[in-house]
């Protein structure tokens, strides 16, 4: 089943997002075959990332939540 995650960064998280982005991308890469779509949410300025929109195929809501619990941006 496809689960959609709408995730917003905490305020003033740009530096943290930039630092963790390689780890986040590697974590996504580990389940690349399950990704329906994924990408950043952008501020109205069109340049500042403020979150993520992810859609994945997981066997259950519990599996999606377990994956999200250890996702690098979530842990931070």
PDB file of N, CA and C in Angstrom:
ATOM      1  N   UNK A   1       0.847  -1.170   0.000  1.00  0.00           N
ATOM      2  CA  UNK A   1       0.000   0.000   0.000  1.00  0.00           C
ATOM      3  C   UNK A   1       0.898   1.242   0.000  1.00  0.00           C
ATOM      4  N   UNK A   2       0.473   2.265  -0.711  1.00  0.00           N
ATOM      5  CA  UNK A   2       1.238   3.510  -0.749  1.00  0.00           C
ATOM      6  C   UNK A   2       0.884   4.368   0.457  1.00  0.00           C
ATOM      7  N   UNK A   3       1.909   4.794   1.174  1.00  0.00           N
ATOM      8  CA  UNK A   3       1.761   5.711   2.307  1.00  0.00           C
ATOM      9  C   UNK A   3       2.447   7.013   1.940  1.00  0.00           C
ATOM     10  N   UNK A   4       1.757   8.123   2.181  1.00  0.00           N
ATOM     11  CA  UNK A   4       2.284   9.448   1.868  1.00  0.00           C
ATOM     12  C   UNK A   4       2.669  10.142   3.168  1.00  0.00           C
ATOM     13  N   UNK A   5       3.895  10.649   3.199  1.00  0.00           N
ATOM     14  CA  UNK A   5       4.412  11.354   4.368  1.00  0.00           C
ATOM     15  C   UNK A   5       4.627  12.814   3.995  1.00  0.00           C
ATOM     16  N   UNK A   6       3.951  13.703   4.695  1.00  0.00           N
ATOM     17  CA  UNK A   6       4.086  15.151   4.502  1.00  0.00           C
ATOM     18  C   UNK A   6       4.839  15.653   5.720  1.00  0.00           C
ATOM     19  N   UNK A   7       6.112  16.000   5.537  1.00  0.00           N
ATOM     20  CA  UNK A   7       6.994  16.301   6.659  1.00  0.00           C
ATOM     21  C   UNK A   7       7.501  17.732   6.567  1.00  0.00           C
ATOM     22  N   UNK A   8       7.318  18.489   7.624  1.00  0.00           N
ATOM     23  CA  UNK A   8       7.770  19.877   7.671  1.00  0.00           C
ATOM     24  C   UNK A   8       8.959  20.010   8.611  1.00  0.00           C
ATOM     25  N   UNK A   9       9.945  20.771   8.184  1.00  0.00           N
ATOM     26  CA  UNK A   9      11.122  21.022   9.015  1.00  0.00           C
ATOM     27  C   UNK A   9      10.746  21.908  10.201  1.00  0.00           C
ATOM     28  N   UNK A  10      11.521  21.762  11.277  1.00  0.00           N
ATOM     29  CA  UNK A  10      11.330  22.687  12.385  1.00  0.00           C
ATOM     30  C   UNK A  10      11.877  24.050  11.955  1.00  0.00           C
ATOM     31  N   UNK A  11      11.460  25.126  12.604  1.00  0.00           N
ATOM     32  CA  UNK A  11      11.914  26.471  12.208  1.00  0.00           C
ATOM     33  C   UNK A  11      13.444  26.594  12.224  1.00  0.00           C
ATOM     34  N   UNK A  12      13.943  27.350  11.279  1.00  0.00           N
ATOM     35  CA  UNK A  12      15.379  27.644  11.171  1.00  0.00           C
ATOM     36  C   UNK A  12      16.240  26.383  11.064  1.00  0.00           C
ATOM     37  N   UNK A  13      15.781  25.423  10.309  1.00  0.00           N
ATOM     38  CA  UNK A  13      16.487  24.144  10.189  1.00  0.00           C
ATOM     39  C   UNK A  13      17.314  24.025   8.915  1.00  0.00           C
ATOM     40  N   UNK A  14      17.510  25.100   8.187  1.00  0.00           N
ATOM     41  CA  UNK A  14      18.204  25.016   6.898  1.00  0.00           C
ATOM     42  C   UNK A  14      19.606  24.431   7.027  1.00  0.00           C
ATOM     43  N   UNK A  15      20.383  24.868   7.997  1.00  0.00           N
ATOM     44  CA  UNK A  15      21.755  24.362   8.156  1.00  0.00           C
ATOM     45  C   UNK A  15      21.735  22.877   8.524  1.00  0.00           C
ATOM     46  N   UNK A  16      20.822  22.488   9.395  1.00  0.00           N
ATOM     47  CA  UNK A  16      20.691  21.088   9.794  1.00  0.00           C
ATOM     48  C   UNK A  16      20.281  20.240   8.600  1.00  0.00           C
ATOM     49  N   UNK A  17      19.313  20.711   7.824  1.00  0.00           N
ATOM     50  CA  UNK A  17      18.866  19.998   6.625  1.00  0.00           C
ATOM     51  C   UNK A  17      20.034  19.822   5.661  1.00  0.00           C
ATOM     52  N   UNK A  18      20.794  20.863   5.437  1.00  0.00           N
ATOM     53  CA  UNK A  18      21.935  20.797   4.519  1.00  0.00           C
ATOM     54  C   UNK A  18      22.965  19.770   5.004  1.00  0.00           C
ATOM     55  N   UNK A  19      23.250  19.770   6.289  1.00  0.00           N
ATOM     56  CA  UNK A  19      24.242  18.855   6.858  1.00  0.00           C
ATOM     57  C   UNK A  19      23.787  17.397   6.763  1.00  0.00           C
ATOM     58  N   UNK A  20      22.509  17.147   6.979  1.00  0.00           N
ATOM     59  CA  UNK A  20      21.995  15.777   7.001  1.00  0.00           C
ATOM     60  C   UNK A  20      21.530  15.254   5.645  1.00  0.00           C
ATOM     61  N   UNK A  21      21.487  16.110   4.650  1.00  0.00           N
ATOM     62  CA  UNK A  21      20.932  15.706   3.351  1.00  0.00           C
ATOM     63  C   UNK A  21      21.632  14.478   2.743  1.00  0.00           C
ATOM     64  N   UNK A  22      22.970  14.371   2.778  1.00  0.00           N
ATOM     65  CA  UNK A  22      23.587  13.157   2.215  1.00  0.00           C
ATOM     66  C   UNK A  22      23.140  11.877   2.932  1.00  0.00           C
ATOM     67  N   UNK A  23      23.013  11.927   4.258  1.00  0.00           N
ATOM     68  CA  UNK A  23      22.551  10.767   5.018  1.00  0.00           C
ATOM     69  C   UNK A  23      21.089  10.446   4.674  1.00  0.00           C
ATOM     70  N   UNK A  24      20.266  11.491   4.547  1.00  0.00           N
ATOM     71  CA  UNK A  24      18.866  11.329   4.158  1.00  0.00           C
ATOM     72  C   UNK A  24      18.762  10.671   2.782  1.00  0.00           C
ATOM     73  N   UNK A  25      19.554  11.169   1.812  1.00  0.00           N
ATOM     74  CA  UNK A  25      19.510  10.621   0.453  1.00  0.00           C
ATOM     75  C   UNK A  25      19.952   9.148   0.440  1.00  0.00           C
ATOM     76  N   UNK A  26      20.958   8.804   1.224  1.00  0.00           N
ATOM     77  CA  UNK A  26      21.411   7.413   1.306  1.00  0.00           C
ATOM     78  C   UNK A  26      20.323   6.530   1.918  1.00  0.00           C
ATOM     79  N   UNK A  27      19.637   7.047   2.921  1.00  0.00           N
ATOM     80  CA  UNK A  27      18.555   6.302   3.569  1.00  0.00           C
ATOM     81  C   UNK A  27      17.421   6.061   2.571  1.00  0.00           C
ATOM     82  N   UNK A  28      17.093   7.059   1.778  1.00  0.00           N
ATOM     83  CA  UNK A  28      16.089   6.894   0.722  1.00  0.00           C
ATOM     84  C   UNK A  28      16.560   5.883  -0.319  1.00  0.00           C
ATOM     85  N   UNK A  29      17.835   5.968  -0.662  1.00  0.00           N
ATOM     86  CA  UNK A  29      18.386   5.065  -1.667  1.00  0.00           C
ATOM     87  C   UNK A  29      18.268   3.601  -1.294  1.00  0.00           C
ATOM     88  N   UNK A  30      18.307   3.324   0.004  1.00  0.00           N
ATOM     89  CA  UNK A  30      18.219   1.940   0.467  1.00  0.00           C
ATOM     90  C   UNK A  30      16.860   1.318   0.173  1.00  0.00           C
ATOM     91  N   UNK A  31      15.829   2.148  -0.030  1.00  0.00           N
ATOM     92  CA  UNK A  31      14.498   1.620  -0.358  1.00  0.00           C
ATOM     93  C   UNK A  31      13.980   2.218  -1.671  1.00  0.00           C
ATOM     94  N   UNK A  32      14.891   2.554  -2.549  1.00  0.00           N
ATOM     95  CA  UNK A  32      14.536   3.235  -3.806  1.00  0.00           C
ATOM     96  C   UNK A  32      13.452   2.509  -4.591  1.00  0.00           C
ATOM     97  N   UNK A  33      13.457   1.199  -4.578  1.00  0.00           N
ATOM     98  CA  UNK A  33      12.463   0.435  -5.323  1.00  0.00           C
ATOM     99  C   UNK A  33      11.053   0.561  -4.781  1.00  0.00           C
ATOM    100  N   UNK A  34      10.905   1.085  -3.570  1.00  0.00           N
ATOM    101  CA  UNK A  34       9.595   1.244  -2.952  1.00  0.00           C
ATOM    102  C   UNK A  34       9.052   2.661  -3.083  1.00  0.00           C
ATOM    103  N   UNK A  35       9.840   3.571  -3.638  1.00  0.00           N
ATOM    104  CA  UNK A  35       9.432   4.970  -3.734  1.00  0.00           C
ATOM    105  C   UNK A  35       8.489   5.172  -4.914  1.00  0.00           C
ATOM    106  N   UNK A  36       7.295   5.673  -4.635  1.00  0.00           N
ATOM    107  CA  UNK A  36       6.370   6.062  -5.700  1.00  0.00           C
ATOM    108  C   UNK A  36       6.747   7.453  -6.197  1.00  0.00           C
ATOM    109  N   UNK A  37       6.986   8.367  -5.270  1.00  0.00           N
ATOM    110  CA  UNK A  37       7.558   9.679  -5.565  1.00  0.00           C
ATOM    111  C   UNK A  37       8.081  10.277  -4.282  1.00  0.00           C
ATOM    112  N   UNK A  38       9.032  11.196  -4.432  1.00  0.00           N
ATOM    113  CA  UNK A  38       9.634  11.856  -3.278  1.00  0.00           C
ATOM    114  C   UNK A  38      10.262  13.158  -3.738  1.00  0.00           C
ATOM    115  N   UNK A  39      10.216  14.147  -2.864  1.00  0.00           N
ATOM    116  CA  UNK A  39      10.860  15.411  -3.194  1.00  0.00           C
ATOM    117  C   UNK A  39      10.728  16.411  -2.068  1.00  0.00           C
ATOM    118  N   UNK A  40      11.444  17.514  -2.206  1.00  0.00           N
ATOM    119  CA  UNK A  40      11.406  18.535  -1.170  1.00  0.00           C
ATOM    120  C   UNK A  40      10.148  19.396  -1.269  1.00  0.00           C
ATOM    121  N   UNK A  41       9.738  19.929  -0.140  1.00  0.00           N
ATOM    122  CA  UNK A  41       8.726  20.983  -0.110  1.00  0.00           C
ATOM    123  C   UNK A  41       9.487  22.295  -0.060  1.00  0.00           C
ATOM    124  N   UNK A  42       9.061  23.242  -0.856  1.00  0.00           N
ATOM    125  CA  UNK A  42       9.800  24.492  -0.989  1.00  0.00           C
ATOM    126  C   UNK A  42       9.031  25.667  -0.381  1.00  0.00           C
ATOM    127  N   UNK A  43       9.787  26.610   0.133  1.00  0.00           N
ATOM    128  CA  UNK A  43       9.232  27.878   0.612  1.00  0.00           C
ATOM    129  C   UNK A  43       8.730  28.656  -0.597  1.00  0.00           C
ATOM    130  N   UNK A  44       7.910  29.645  -0.355  1.00  0.00           N
ATOM    131  CA  UNK A  44       7.392  30.483  -1.442  1.00  0.00           C
ATOM    132  C   UNK A  44       8.492  31.167  -2.245  1.00  0.00           C
ATOM    133  N   UNK A  45       9.697  31.299  -1.667  1.00  0.00           N
ATOM    134  CA  UNK A  45      10.797  31.927  -2.394  1.00  0.00           C
ATOM    135  C   UNK A  45      11.352  31.033  -3.501  1.00  0.00           C
ATOM    136  N   UNK A  46      10.925  29.759  -3.514  1.00  0.00           N
ATOM    137  CA  UNK A  46      11.343  28.833  -4.559  1.00  0.00           C
ATOM    138  C   UNK A  46      12.737  28.284  -4.398  1.00  0.00           C
ATOM    139  N   UNK A  47      13.459  28.686  -3.359  1.00  0.00           N
ATOM    140  CA  UNK A  47      14.842  28.261  -3.184  1.00  0.00           C
ATOM    141  C   UNK A  47      15.092  27.535  -1.863  1.00  0.00           C
ATOM    142  N   UNK A  48      14.268  27.789  -0.870  1.00  0.00           N
ATOM    143  CA  UNK A  48      14.499  27.251   0.464  1.00  0.00           C
ATOM    144  C   UNK A  48      13.658  26.001   0.696  1.00  0.00           C
ATOM    145  N   UNK A  49      14.338  24.874   1.000  1.00  0.00           N
ATOM    146  CA  UNK A  49      13.627  23.642   1.318  1.00  0.00           C
ATOM    147  C   UNK A  49      13.079  23.740   2.744  1.00  0.00           C
ATOM    148  N   UNK A  50      11.811  23.358   2.909  1.00  0.00           N
ATOM    149  CA  UNK A  50      11.173  23.461   4.228  1.00  0.00           C
ATOM    150  C   UNK A  50      10.570  22.140   4.692  1.00  0.00           C
ATOM    151  N   UNK A  51      10.774  21.091   3.936  1.00  0.00           N
ATOM    152  CA  UNK A  51      10.227  19.794   4.315  1.00  0.00           C
ATOM    153  C   UNK A  51      10.321  18.813   3.168  1.00  0.00           C
ATOM    154  N   UNK A  52       9.604  17.716   3.306  1.00  0.00           N
ATOM    155  CA  UNK A  52       9.637  16.655   2.298  1.00  0.00           C
ATOM    156  C   UNK A  52       8.237  16.090   2.088  1.00  0.00           C
ATOM    157  N   UNK A  53       7.997  15.633   0.876  1.00  0.00           N
ATOM    158  CA  UNK A  53       6.784  14.888   0.545  1.00  0.00           C
ATOM    159  C   UNK A  53       7.254  13.556  -0.023  1.00  0.00           C
ATOM    160  N   UNK A  54       6.909  12.484   0.659  1.00  0.00           N
ATOM    161  CA  UNK A  54       7.389  11.159   0.295  1.00  0.00           C
ATOM    162  C   UNK A  54       6.206  10.212   0.162  1.00  0.00           C
ATOM    163  N   UNK A  55       6.232   9.371  -0.852  1.00  0.00           N
ATOM    164  CA  UNK A  55       5.207   8.338  -1.023  1.00  0.00           C
ATOM    165  C   UNK A  55       5.916   7.010  -1.283  1.00  0.00           C
ATOM    166  N   UNK A  56       5.657   6.045  -0.386  1.00  0.00           N
ATOM    167  CA  UNK A  56       6.342   4.763  -0.430  1.00  0.00           C
ATOM    168  C   UNK A  56       5.353   3.620  -0.361  1.00  0.00           C
ATOM    169  N   UNK A  57       5.775   2.485  -0.897  1.00  0.00           N
ATOM    170  CA  UNK A  57       5.005   1.258  -0.785  1.00  0.00           C
ATOM    171  C   UNK A  57       5.521   0.486   0.433  1.00  0.00           C
ATOM    172  N   UNK A  58       4.709   0.434   1.472  1.00  0.00           N
ATOM    173  CA  UNK A  58       5.021  -0.340   2.671  1.00  0.00           C
ATOM    174  C   UNK A  58       3.930  -1.375   2.884  1.00  0.00           C
ATOM    175  N   UNK A  59       4.279  -2.438   3.578  1.00  0.00           N
ATOM    176  CA  UNK A  59       3.317  -3.504   3.854  1.00  0.00           C
ATOM    177  C   UNK A  59       2.244  -3.074   4.847  1.00  0.00           C
ATOM    178  N   UNK A  60       2.575  -2.108   5.701  1.00  0.00           N
ATOM    179  CA  UNK A  60       1.629  -1.680   6.729  1.00  0.00           C
ATOM    180  C   UNK A  60       1.974  -0.275   7.213  1.00  0.00           C
ATOM    181  N   UNK A  61       1.020   0.340   7.899  1.00  0.00           N
ATOM    182  CA  UNK A  61       1.266   1.651   8.506  1.00  0.00           C
ATOM    183  C   UNK A  61       2.392   1.535   9.537  1.00  0.00           C
ATOM    184  N   UNK A  62       2.410   0.454  10.287  1.00  0.00           N
ATOM    185  CA  UNK A  62       3.460   0.243  11.290  1.00  0.00           C
ATOM    186  C   UNK A  62       4.841   0.200  10.631  1.00  0.00           C
ATOM    187  N   UNK A  63       4.938  -0.429   9.472  1.00  0.00           N
ATOM    188  CA  UNK A  63       6.224  -0.487   8.760  1.00  0.00           C
ATOM    189  C   UNK A  63       6.645   0.902   8.296  1.00  0.00           C
ATOM    190  N   UNK A  64       5.704   1.696   7.803  1.00  0.00           N
ATOM    191  CA  UNK A  64       6.003   3.073   7.389  1.00  0.00           C
ATOM    192  C   UNK A  64       6.457   3.903   8.578  1.00  0.00           C
ATOM    193  N   UNK A  65       5.786   3.751   9.702  1.00  0.00           N
ATOM    194  CA  UNK A  65       6.154   4.509  10.901  1.00  0.00           C
ATOM    195  C   UNK A  65       7.513   4.077  11.436  1.00  0.00           C
ATOM    196  N   UNK A  66       7.823   2.788  11.364  1.00  0.00           N
ATOM    197  CA  UNK A  66       9.126   2.295  11.816  1.00  0.00           C
ATOM    198  C   UNK A  66      10.234   2.846  10.935  1.00  0.00           C
ATOM    199  N   UNK A  67      10.008   2.897   9.618  1.00  0.00           N
ATOM    200  CA  UNK A  67      10.998   3.458   8.704  1.00  0.00           C
ATOM    201  C   UNK A  67      11.215   4.939   9.019  1.00  0.00           C
ATOM    202  N   UNK A  68      10.128   5.667   9.216  1.00  0.00           N
ATOM    203  CA  UNK A  68      10.207   7.096   9.481  1.00  0.00           C
ATOM    204  C   UNK A  68      10.898   7.389  10.817  1.00  0.00           C
ATOM    205  N   UNK A  69      10.718   6.536  11.785  1.00  0.00           N
ATOM    206  CA  UNK A  69      11.282   6.779  13.125  1.00  0.00           C
ATOM    207  C   UNK A  69      12.800   6.886  13.128  1.00  0.00           C
ATOM    208  N   UNK A  70      13.459   6.237  12.173  1.00  0.00           N
ATOM    209  CA  UNK A  70      14.923   6.284  12.139  1.00  0.00           C
ATOM    210  C   UNK A  70      15.470   7.040  10.924  1.00  0.00           C
ATOM    211  N   UNK A  71      14.589   7.679  10.190  1.00  0.00           N
ATOM    212  CA  UNK A  71      14.995   8.521   9.053  1.00  0.00           C
ATOM    213  C   UNK A  71      15.841   9.670   9.593  1.00  0.00           C
ATOM    214  N   UNK A  72      16.951  10.015   8.942  1.00  0.00           N
ATOM    215  CA  UNK A  72      17.872  11.025   9.474  1.00  0.00           C
ATOM    216  C   UNK A  72      17.246  12.378   9.807  1.00  0.00           C
ATOM    217  N   UNK A  73      16.402  12.913   8.946  1.00  0.00           N
ATOM    218  CA  UNK A  73      15.775  14.209   9.257  1.00  0.00           C
ATOM    219  C   UNK A  73      14.862  14.068  10.475  1.00  0.00           C
ATOM    220  N   UNK A  74      14.141  12.951  10.564  1.00  0.00           N
ATOM    221  CA  UNK A  74      13.241  12.733  11.700  1.00  0.00           C
ATOM    222  C   UNK A  74      14.024  12.651  13.009  1.00  0.00           C
ATOM    223  N   UNK A  75      15.120  11.898  13.003  1.00  0.00           N
ATOM    224  CA  UNK A  75      15.933  11.770  14.219  1.00  0.00           C
ATOM    225  C   UNK A  75      16.480  13.111  14.676  1.00  0.00           C
ATOM    226  N   UNK A  76      16.801  13.956  13.722  1.00  0.00           N
ATOM    227  CA  UNK A  76      17.394  15.268  14.067  1.00  0.00           C
ATOM    228  C   UNK A  76      16.336  16.190  14.624  1.00  0.00           C
TER     229      UNK A  76
END
